[in-house]
């Protein structure tokens, strides 16, 4: 995954090509791989939400909905946004889009934010 935008606190955008290594036996990209992308992007957004504090963000729960299959070789863009948050908790949502705008999944998660030592 490559971060392509992190200019705003609480908002990050990432890109990754889902190659054939991540395909399931049916030949489409595994849902677990898509969930991992969303989790990584949302965790990064939770960290940027801290606005200059050095923190870690631990996922407390994650929900993901899949809308369509993803073929291996597809470039995915994941945008994650902190919807609400404070000093210790951030609620984050993510959208995964394939190619030029085909929504393939949406995720939401709650992150526990702690000061890094």
C-alpha atoms as a PDB file:
ATOM      1  CA  UNK A   1       0.000   0.000   0.000  1.00  0.00           C
ATOM      2  CA  UNK A   2       1.144   3.498  -0.778  1.00  0.00           C
ATOM      3  CA  UNK A   3      -0.243   6.584   0.927  1.00  0.00           C
ATOM      4  CA  UNK A   4      -1.188   9.129  -1.730  1.00  0.00           C
ATOM      5  CA  UNK A   5      -2.759  11.763   0.543  1.00  0.00           C
ATOM      6  CA  UNK A   6      -2.531  12.608   4.254  1.00  0.00           C
ATOM      7  CA  UNK A   7      -2.756  16.392   4.147  1.00  0.00           C
ATOM      8  CA  UNK A   8      -5.839  16.688   6.388  1.00  0.00           C
ATOM      9  CA  UNK A   9      -5.960  15.398   9.960  1.00  0.00           C
ATOM     10  CA  UNK A  10      -8.183  12.328  10.096  1.00  0.00           C
ATOM     11  CA  UNK A  11      -8.229  11.679   6.336  1.00  0.00           C
ATOM     12  CA  UNK A  12      -5.883   9.418   4.382  1.00  0.00           C
ATOM     13  CA  UNK A  13      -5.993   7.919   0.899  1.00  0.00           C
ATOM     14  CA  UNK A  14      -4.092   4.780  -0.102  1.00  0.00           C
ATOM     15  CA  UNK A  15      -3.533   2.801  -3.310  1.00  0.00           C
ATOM     16  CA  UNK A  16      -2.634  -0.841  -3.848  1.00  0.00           C
ATOM     17  CA  UNK A  17      -2.778  -3.335  -6.698  1.00  0.00           C
ATOM     18  CA  UNK A  18      -4.547  -6.513  -5.609  1.00  0.00           C
ATOM     19  CA  UNK A  19      -2.457  -9.093  -7.435  1.00  0.00           C
ATOM     20  CA  UNK A  20      -3.156 -12.808  -7.893  1.00  0.00           C
ATOM     21  CA  UNK A  21      -1.437 -13.715  -4.594  1.00  0.00           C
ATOM     22  CA  UNK A  22      -4.537 -12.382  -2.837  1.00  0.00           C
ATOM     23  CA  UNK A  23      -7.088 -14.366  -4.864  1.00  0.00           C
ATOM     24  CA  UNK A  24      -9.299 -16.996  -3.276  1.00  0.00           C
ATOM     25  CA  UNK A  25     -10.005 -20.400  -4.906  1.00  0.00           C
ATOM     26  CA  UNK A  26     -12.843 -18.845  -6.939  1.00  0.00           C
ATOM     27  CA  UNK A  27     -10.342 -16.430  -8.523  1.00  0.00           C
ATOM     28  CA  UNK A  28     -11.380 -13.127  -6.960  1.00  0.00           C
ATOM     29  CA  UNK A  29      -9.555 -11.091  -4.304  1.00  0.00           C
ATOM     30  CA  UNK A  30     -10.148 -12.390  -0.778  1.00  0.00           C
ATOM     31  CA  UNK A  31     -12.410 -10.347   1.464  1.00  0.00           C
ATOM     32  CA  UNK A  32      -9.816 -10.592   4.218  1.00  0.00           C
ATOM     33  CA  UNK A  33      -7.314  -8.770   2.019  1.00  0.00           C
ATOM     34  CA  UNK A  34      -9.844  -5.989   1.404  1.00  0.00           C
ATOM     35  CA  UNK A  35     -10.535  -5.804   5.148  1.00  0.00           C
ATOM     36  CA  UNK A  36      -6.801  -5.533   5.864  1.00  0.00           C
ATOM     37  CA  UNK A  37      -6.487  -2.624   3.430  1.00  0.00           C
ATOM     38  CA  UNK A  38      -9.408  -0.846   5.088  1.00  0.00           C
ATOM     39  CA  UNK A  39      -8.020  -1.519   8.580  1.00  0.00           C
ATOM     40  CA  UNK A  40      -4.592  -0.168   7.683  1.00  0.00           C
ATOM     41  CA  UNK A  41      -6.034   2.969   6.087  1.00  0.00           C
ATOM     42  CA  UNK A  42      -8.457   3.613   8.954  1.00  0.00           C
ATOM     43  CA  UNK A  43      -5.722   3.087  11.557  1.00  0.00           C
ATOM     44  CA  UNK A  44      -3.529   5.614   9.769  1.00  0.00           C
ATOM     45  CA  UNK A  45      -6.386   8.121   9.707  1.00  0.00           C
ATOM     46  CA  UNK A  46      -6.931   7.620  13.444  1.00  0.00           C
ATOM     47  CA  UNK A  47      -3.232   8.350  14.046  1.00  0.00           C
ATOM     48  CA  UNK A  48      -3.333  11.550  11.948  1.00  0.00           C
ATOM     49  CA  UNK A  49      -6.441  12.614  13.914  1.00  0.00           C
ATOM     50  CA  UNK A  50      -4.193  12.969  16.982  1.00  0.00           C
ATOM     51  CA  UNK A  51      -2.872  16.249  15.546  1.00  0.00           C
ATOM     52  CA  UNK A  52       0.777  16.166  16.476  1.00  0.00           C
ATOM     53  CA  UNK A  53       0.592  13.759  19.415  1.00  0.00           C
ATOM     54  CA  UNK A  54       2.648  10.594  19.037  1.00  0.00           C
ATOM     55  CA  UNK A  55       0.038   7.855  19.378  1.00  0.00           C
ATOM     56  CA  UNK A  56      -0.835   4.284  18.558  1.00  0.00           C
ATOM     57  CA  UNK A  57      -4.305   3.255  17.395  1.00  0.00           C
ATOM     58  CA  UNK A  58      -5.662  -0.180  18.293  1.00  0.00           C
ATOM     59  CA  UNK A  59      -8.688  -1.536  16.461  1.00  0.00           C
ATOM     60  CA  UNK A  60     -11.508  -2.381  18.893  1.00  0.00           C
ATOM     61  CA  UNK A  61     -13.956  -3.643  16.260  1.00  0.00           C
ATOM     62  CA  UNK A  62     -14.364  -3.625  12.486  1.00  0.00           C
ATOM     63  CA  UNK A  63     -17.337  -4.039  10.170  1.00  0.00           C
ATOM     64  CA  UNK A  64     -17.044  -4.369   6.417  1.00  0.00           C
ATOM     65  CA  UNK A  65     -19.620  -4.762   3.651  1.00  0.00           C
ATOM     66  CA  UNK A  66     -18.633  -6.093   0.223  1.00  0.00           C
ATOM     67  CA  UNK A  67     -20.550  -4.880  -2.837  1.00  0.00           C
ATOM     68  CA  UNK A  68     -18.837  -6.561  -5.774  1.00  0.00           C
ATOM     69  CA  UNK A  69     -15.960  -8.933  -6.483  1.00  0.00           C
ATOM     70  CA  UNK A  70     -12.482  -7.613  -7.252  1.00  0.00           C
ATOM     71  CA  UNK A  71     -10.456  -9.232 -10.023  1.00  0.00           C
ATOM     72  CA  UNK A  72      -6.730  -9.810  -9.435  1.00  0.00           C
ATOM     73  CA  UNK A  73      -4.631  -7.038 -10.966  1.00  0.00           C
ATOM     74  CA  UNK A  74      -7.143  -4.333 -10.055  1.00  0.00           C
ATOM     75  CA  UNK A  75      -5.837  -1.078  -8.607  1.00  0.00           C
ATOM     76  CA  UNK A  76      -7.745  -0.209  -5.443  1.00  0.00           C
ATOM     77  CA  UNK A  77      -8.044   3.166  -3.772  1.00  0.00           C
ATOM     78  CA  UNK A  78      -9.017   3.295  -0.106  1.00  0.00           C
ATOM     79  CA  UNK A  79     -10.053   6.565   1.503  1.00  0.00           C
ATOM     80  CA  UNK A  80     -10.462   6.544   5.283  1.00  0.00           C
ATOM     81  CA  UNK A  81     -12.020   9.356   7.300  1.00  0.00           C
ATOM     82  CA  UNK A  82     -12.396   9.927  11.025  1.00  0.00           C
ATOM     83  CA  UNK A  83     -16.114  10.614  11.429  1.00  0.00           C
ATOM     84  CA  UNK A  84     -15.956  11.411  15.134  1.00  0.00           C
ATOM     85  CA  UNK A  85     -13.269  11.261  17.729  1.00  0.00           C
ATOM     86  CA  UNK A  86     -11.646  12.601  20.810  1.00  0.00           C
ATOM     87  CA  UNK A  87      -8.437  12.143  22.742  1.00  0.00           C
ATOM     88  CA  UNK A  88      -8.898   8.374  23.374  1.00  0.00           C
ATOM     89  CA  UNK A  89     -11.312   7.074  20.713  1.00  0.00           C
ATOM     90  CA  UNK A  90     -11.799   7.567  16.985  1.00  0.00           C
ATOM     91  CA  UNK A  91     -14.695   6.258  14.884  1.00  0.00           C
ATOM     92  CA  UNK A  92     -13.487   5.825  11.302  1.00  0.00           C
ATOM     93  CA  UNK A  93     -15.067   4.874   7.973  1.00  0.00           C
ATOM     94  CA  UNK A  94     -13.406   3.729   4.744  1.00  0.00           C
ATOM     95  CA  UNK A  95     -14.422   3.245   1.125  1.00  0.00           C
ATOM     96  CA  UNK A  96     -12.586   0.919  -1.264  1.00  0.00           C
ATOM     97  CA  UNK A  97     -12.928   1.795  -4.923  1.00  0.00           C
ATOM     98  CA  UNK A  98     -11.718  -0.262  -7.882  1.00  0.00           C
ATOM     99  CA  UNK A  99     -10.392   1.478 -10.972  1.00  0.00           C
ATOM    100  CA  UNK A 100     -12.180   4.665 -12.000  1.00  0.00           C
ATOM    101  CA  UNK A 101     -14.904   4.753  -9.362  1.00  0.00           C
ATOM    102  CA  UNK A 102     -16.500   1.348  -8.788  1.00  0.00           C
ATOM    103  CA  UNK A 103     -17.292   1.055  -5.057  1.00  0.00           C
ATOM    104  CA  UNK A 104     -16.366  -2.464  -3.923  1.00  0.00           C
ATOM    105  CA  UNK A 105     -16.560  -2.218  -0.102  1.00  0.00           C
ATOM    106  CA  UNK A 106     -17.261   0.077   2.835  1.00  0.00           C
ATOM    107  CA  UNK A 107     -15.903  -0.407   6.339  1.00  0.00           C
ATOM    108  CA  UNK A 108     -16.211   1.189   9.745  1.00  0.00           C
ATOM    109  CA  UNK A 109     -14.181   0.752  12.892  1.00  0.00           C
ATOM    110  CA  UNK A 110     -13.568   2.096  16.351  1.00  0.00           C
ATOM    111  CA  UNK A 111      -9.945   2.716  17.348  1.00  0.00           C
ATOM    112  CA  UNK A 112      -8.593   3.178  20.845  1.00  0.00           C
ATOM    113  CA  UNK A 113      -5.933   5.884  20.745  1.00  0.00           C
ATOM    114  CA  UNK A 114      -3.059   5.785  23.253  1.00  0.00           C
ATOM    115  CA  UNK A 115      -0.012   7.977  23.719  1.00  0.00           C
ATOM    116  CA  UNK A 116       3.099   6.278  22.359  1.00  0.00           C
ATOM    117  CA  UNK A 117       5.933   5.870  24.786  1.00  0.00           C
END
